[in-house]
Amino acid sequence: MDVGNRQFIVEKSETSAGSVVQIAASNADFSILVEAVTKAGLAGALSAEGPFTVFAPTNEAFKALFKQLGVGGVKDLTAEQLTPILTYHVVSGKVMSTDLTNTSVATLNGQKIKIDLSNGVKINESKVTKADISGTNGVVHVIDRVLLPK
């Protein structure tokens, strides 16, 4: 995808008929994310009108985090531990890949994430691997690492 003078190698997806939660729930590669969102009690909020931009880590990203933390999975974490991590992946508004710039933006947990377009698209240290999965209440961008708030 060409945005201004920057060249991005990111796979784009078609529009989905569902909410950002339904997009995740309909993709087996997000089963751990859906399990975490459900355990944290955030599914209802993320199914609301929005719009939301969700940077969605894959199952592989979560497995790498669990290994780093020395836990077996979502079952070993509390809702209180999951909520600040999950809300760090959500930005208010529908931000498509063509809207991204080199900047920092506030997430729903109040902390900022860094967007870097200098070599592909990175959110903090995570790479966007698929962009613009548009839903009824926002957009999902797939990332390869779980973002951790400070």
C-alpha atoms as a PDB file:
ATOM      1  CA  MET A   1       0.000   0.000   0.000  1.00  0.00           C
ATOM      2  CA  ASP A   2       1.366   3.429  -0.861  1.00  0.00           C
ATOM      3  CA  VAL A   3       0.538   6.238   1.575  1.00  0.00           C
ATOM      4  CA  GLY A   4       2.067   9.539   0.588  1.00  0.00           C
ATOM      5  CA  ASN A   5       5.760   8.877   0.047  1.00  0.00           C
ATOM      6  CA  ARG A   6       5.840   5.847   2.339  1.00  0.00           C
ATOM      7  CA  GLN A   7       5.611   2.294   1.036  1.00  0.00           C
ATOM      8  CA  PHE A   8       3.946  -0.267   3.304  1.00  0.00           C
ATOM      9  CA  ILE A   9       3.913  -3.991   2.858  1.00  0.00           C
ATOM     10  CA  VAL A  10       0.789  -4.804   4.801  1.00  0.00           C
ATOM     11  CA  GLU A  11      -1.975  -7.120   3.730  1.00  0.00           C
ATOM     12  CA  LYS A  12      -5.348  -5.389   3.688  1.00  0.00           C
ATOM     13  CA  SER A  13      -8.639  -7.144   4.336  1.00  0.00           C
ATOM     14  CA  GLU A  14     -12.221  -6.757   3.298  1.00  0.00           C
ATOM     15  CA  THR A  15     -14.967  -5.232   5.412  1.00  0.00           C
ATOM     16  CA  SER A  16     -16.568  -7.493   7.999  1.00  0.00           C
ATOM     17  CA  ALA A  17     -20.247  -7.329   8.868  1.00  0.00           C
ATOM     18  CA  GLY A  18     -19.628  -7.593  12.609  1.00  0.00           C
ATOM     19  CA  SER A  19     -18.221  -5.568  15.469  1.00  0.00           C
ATOM     20  CA  VAL A  20     -14.509  -5.585  16.314  1.00  0.00           C
ATOM     21  CA  VAL A  21     -15.279  -8.304  18.890  1.00  0.00           C
ATOM     22  CA  GLN A  22     -17.144 -10.384  16.295  1.00  0.00           C
ATOM     23  CA  ILE A  23     -14.224  -9.974  13.868  1.00  0.00           C
ATOM     24  CA  ALA A  24     -11.874 -11.421  16.483  1.00  0.00           C
ATOM     25  CA  ALA A  25     -14.320 -14.142  17.529  1.00  0.00           C
ATOM     26  CA  SER A  26     -14.742 -15.312  13.928  1.00  0.00           C
ATOM     27  CA  ASN A  27     -10.994 -15.814  13.417  1.00  0.00           C
ATOM     28  CA  ALA A  28      -9.318 -18.816  15.101  1.00  0.00           C
ATOM     29  CA  ASP A  29      -6.007 -16.901  15.175  1.00  0.00           C
ATOM     30  CA  PHE A  30      -7.526 -14.578  17.800  1.00  0.00           C
ATOM     31  CA  SER A  31      -8.952 -17.224  20.161  1.00  0.00           C
ATOM     32  CA  ILE A  32      -6.585 -16.244  23.006  1.00  0.00           C
ATOM     33  CA  LEU A  33      -7.414 -12.552  22.534  1.00  0.00           C
ATOM     34  CA  VAL A  34     -11.135 -13.358  22.674  1.00  0.00           C
ATOM     35  CA  GLU A  35     -10.603 -15.489  25.799  1.00  0.00           C
ATOM     36  CA  ALA A  36      -8.714 -12.612  27.461  1.00  0.00           C
ATOM     37  CA  VAL A  37     -11.287  -9.973  26.457  1.00  0.00           C
ATOM     38  CA  THR A  38     -14.084 -12.178  27.791  1.00  0.00           C
ATOM     39  CA  LYS A  39     -12.290 -12.889  31.085  1.00  0.00           C
ATOM     40  CA  ALA A  40     -11.576  -9.164  31.561  1.00  0.00           C
ATOM     41  CA  GLY A  41     -15.254  -8.358  30.958  1.00  0.00           C
ATOM     42  CA  LEU A  42     -14.491  -6.077  27.994  1.00  0.00           C
ATOM     43  CA  ALA A  43     -16.497  -7.831  25.254  1.00  0.00           C
ATOM     44  CA  GLY A  44     -19.611  -5.736  25.919  1.00  0.00           C
ATOM     45  CA  ALA A  45     -17.735  -2.439  25.909  1.00  0.00           C
ATOM     46  CA  LEU A  46     -15.888  -3.312  22.691  1.00  0.00           C
ATOM     47  CA  SER A  47     -19.168  -4.358  21.071  1.00  0.00           C
ATOM     48  CA  ALA A  48     -20.659  -0.915  21.763  1.00  0.00           C
ATOM     49  CA  GLU A  49     -21.100   1.775  19.128  1.00  0.00           C
ATOM     50  CA  GLY A  50     -17.478   2.982  19.200  1.00  0.00           C
ATOM     51  CA  PRO A  51     -15.814   3.544  16.891  1.00  0.00           C
ATOM     52  CA  PHE A  52     -12.681   1.723  18.031  1.00  0.00           C
ATOM     53  CA  THR A  53      -9.331   0.903  16.503  1.00  0.00           C
ATOM     54  CA  VAL A  54      -8.014  -2.398  17.849  1.00  0.00           C
ATOM     55  CA  PHE A  55      -4.417  -3.550  17.444  1.00  0.00           C
ATOM     56  CA  ALA A  56      -5.095  -7.277  17.750  1.00  0.00           C
ATOM     57  CA  PRO A  57      -2.278  -9.646  18.777  1.00  0.00           C
ATOM     58  CA  THR A  58      -2.378 -13.140  17.296  1.00  0.00           C
ATOM     59  CA  ASN A  59      -2.365 -16.358  19.312  1.00  0.00           C
ATOM     60  CA  GLU A  60       1.378 -16.679  18.593  1.00  0.00           C
ATOM     61  CA  ALA A  61       1.941 -13.218  20.085  1.00  0.00           C
ATOM     62  CA  PHE A  62       0.090 -14.222  23.254  1.00  0.00           C
ATOM     63  CA  LYS A  63       1.988 -17.526  23.511  1.00  0.00           C
ATOM     64  CA  ALA A  64       5.278 -15.610  23.363  1.00  0.00           C
ATOM     65  CA  LEU A  65       4.058 -13.272  26.130  1.00  0.00           C
ATOM     66  CA  PHE A  66       2.923 -16.180  28.316  1.00  0.00           C
ATOM     67  CA  LYS A  67       6.353 -17.787  27.927  1.00  0.00           C
ATOM     68  CA  GLN A  68       8.020 -14.482  28.850  1.00  0.00           C
ATOM     69  CA  LEU A  69       5.773 -14.116  31.915  1.00  0.00           C
ATOM     70  CA  GLY A  70       6.144 -17.776  32.908  1.00  0.00           C
ATOM     71  CA  VAL A  71       2.399 -18.428  32.885  1.00  0.00           C
ATOM     72  CA  GLY A  72       0.375 -21.144  31.181  1.00  0.00           C
ATOM     73  CA  GLY A  73      -2.195 -18.862  29.574  1.00  0.00           C
ATOM     74  CA  VAL A  74      -5.125 -16.549  30.222  1.00  0.00           C
ATOM     75  CA  LYS A  75      -6.314 -18.888  32.977  1.00  0.00           C
ATOM     76  CA  ASP A  76      -3.266 -17.893  35.067  1.00  0.00           C
ATOM     77  CA  LEU A  77      -4.038 -14.163  34.857  1.00  0.00           C
ATOM     78  CA  THR A  78      -6.753 -12.172  36.614  1.00  0.00           C
ATOM     79  CA  ALA A  79      -9.179  -9.761  34.986  1.00  0.00           C
ATOM     80  CA  GLU A  80      -7.348  -6.983  36.864  1.00  0.00           C
ATOM     81  CA  GLN A  81      -4.062  -8.023  35.221  1.00  0.00           C
ATOM     82  CA  LEU A  82      -5.606  -8.375  31.753  1.00  0.00           C
ATOM     83  CA  THR A  83      -7.625  -5.147  31.597  1.00  0.00           C
ATOM     84  CA  PRO A  84      -4.747  -2.621  31.418  1.00  0.00           C
ATOM     85  CA  ILE A  85      -2.969  -4.763  28.807  1.00  0.00           C
ATOM     86  CA  LEU A  86      -6.056  -5.194  26.627  1.00  0.00           C
ATOM     87  CA  THR A  87      -7.170  -1.547  26.809  1.00  0.00           C
ATOM     88  CA  TYR A  88      -3.610  -0.593  25.758  1.00  0.00           C
ATOM     89  CA  HIS A  89      -4.446  -2.181  22.377  1.00  0.00           C
ATOM     90  CA  VAL A  90      -7.484   0.035  21.724  1.00  0.00           C
ATOM     91  CA  VAL A  91      -7.627   3.603  20.411  1.00  0.00           C
ATOM     92  CA  SER A  92     -10.784   5.670  20.228  1.00  0.00           C
ATOM     93  CA  GLY A  93     -11.975   6.347  16.670  1.00  0.00           C
ATOM     94  CA  LYS A  94     -11.723   4.410  13.422  1.00  0.00           C
ATOM     95  CA  VAL A  95      -8.112   4.829  12.302  1.00  0.00           C
ATOM     96  CA  MET A  96      -7.462   3.222   8.944  1.00  0.00           C
ATOM     97  CA  SER A  97      -3.916   2.457   7.775  1.00  0.00           C
ATOM     98  CA  THR A  98      -4.041   5.435   5.425  1.00  0.00           C
ATOM     99  CA  ASP A  99      -4.668   7.693   8.459  1.00  0.00           C
ATOM    100  CA  LEU A 100      -1.534   6.587  10.347  1.00  0.00           C
ATOM    101  CA  THR A 101       1.378   8.965  10.863  1.00  0.00           C
ATOM    102  CA  ASN A 102       4.597   8.905  12.890  1.00  0.00           C
ATOM    103  CA  THR A 103       3.194   9.932  16.243  1.00  0.00           C
ATOM    104  CA  SER A 104       2.094   8.770  19.673  1.00  0.00           C
ATOM    105  CA  VAL A 105      -1.581   8.312  20.470  1.00  0.00           C
ATOM    106  CA  ALA A 106      -3.513   7.713  23.680  1.00  0.00           C
ATOM    107  CA  THR A 107      -5.078   4.314  24.202  1.00  0.00           C
ATOM    108  CA  LEU A 108      -8.192   3.498  26.217  1.00  0.00           C
ATOM    109  CA  ASN A 109      -6.016   2.725  29.247  1.00  0.00           C
ATOM    110  CA  GLY A 110      -4.672   6.312  29.199  1.00  0.00           C
ATOM    111  CA  GLN A 111      -1.114   5.496  28.140  1.00  0.00           C
ATOM    112  CA  LYS A 112       0.255   6.250  24.677  1.00  0.00           C
ATOM    113  CA  ILE A 113       1.466   3.920  21.963  1.00  0.00           C
ATOM    114  CA  LYS A 114       4.079   4.935  19.408  1.00  0.00           C
ATOM    115  CA  ILE A 115       3.311   4.611  15.705  1.00  0.00           C
ATOM    116  CA  ASP A 116       6.416   4.317  13.509  1.00  0.00           C
ATOM    117  CA  LEU A 117       6.112   4.230   9.722  1.00  0.00           C
ATOM    118  CA  SER A 118       9.836   4.343   8.917  1.00  0.00           C
ATOM    119  CA  ASN A 119      10.133   0.610   8.095  1.00  0.00           C
ATOM    120  CA  GLY A 120       6.691  -0.857   7.527  1.00  0.00           C
ATOM    121  CA  VAL A 121       4.128  -0.121  10.214  1.00  0.00           C
ATOM    122  CA  LYS A 122       5.103  -0.619  13.855  1.00  0.00           C
ATOM    123  CA  ILE A 123       3.094  -0.044  16.994  1.00  0.00           C
ATOM    124  CA  ASN A 124       5.724   0.255  19.727  1.00  0.00           C
ATOM    125  CA  GLU A 125       7.880  -2.824  18.911  1.00  0.00           C
ATOM    126  CA  SER A 126       5.090  -4.798  17.247  1.00  0.00           C
ATOM    127  CA  LYS A 127       4.679  -5.054  13.470  1.00  0.00           C
ATOM    128  CA  VAL A 128       1.289  -4.653  11.800  1.00  0.00           C
ATOM    129  CA  THR A 129       0.882  -7.779   9.670  1.00  0.00           C
ATOM    130  CA  LYS A 130      -2.646  -7.168   8.369  1.00  0.00           C
ATOM    131  CA  ALA A 131      -4.468  -3.837   8.253  1.00  0.00           C
ATOM    132  CA  ASP A 132      -7.921  -2.385   7.794  1.00  0.00           C
ATOM    133  CA  ILE A 133     -10.238  -5.212   8.813  1.00  0.00           C
ATOM    134  CA  SER A 134     -13.239  -2.924   8.955  1.00  0.00           C
ATOM    135  CA  GLY A 135     -16.258  -3.708  11.104  1.00  0.00           C
ATOM    136  CA  THR A 136     -19.502  -2.084  12.120  1.00  0.00           C
ATOM    137  CA  ASN A 137     -17.979  -0.272  15.110  1.00  0.00           C
ATOM    138  CA  GLY A 138     -14.363   0.221  14.092  1.00  0.00           C
ATOM    139  CA  VAL A 139     -11.322  -1.376  12.549  1.00  0.00           C
ATOM    140  CA  VAL A 140      -8.868  -4.135  13.484  1.00  0.00           C
ATOM    141  CA  HIS A 141      -5.170  -4.173  12.628  1.00  0.00           C
ATOM    142  CA  VAL A 142      -3.333  -7.457  13.309  1.00  0.00           C
ATOM    143  CA  ILE A 143      -0.024  -7.215  15.201  1.00  0.00           C
ATOM    144  CA  ASP A 144       2.698  -9.784  15.915  1.00  0.00           C
ATOM    145  CA  ARG A 145       3.457  -8.931  19.578  1.00  0.00           C
ATOM    146  CA  VAL A 146       1.352  -8.138  22.633  1.00  0.00           C
ATOM    147  CA  LEU A 147       1.758  -4.489  23.628  1.00  0.00           C
ATOM    148  CA  LEU A 148       2.629  -4.012  27.291  1.00  0.00           C
ATOM    149  CA  PRO A 149       1.853  -0.755  29.086  1.00  0.00           C
ATOM    150  CA  LYS A 150       4.510   0.770  31.309  1.00  0.00           C
END
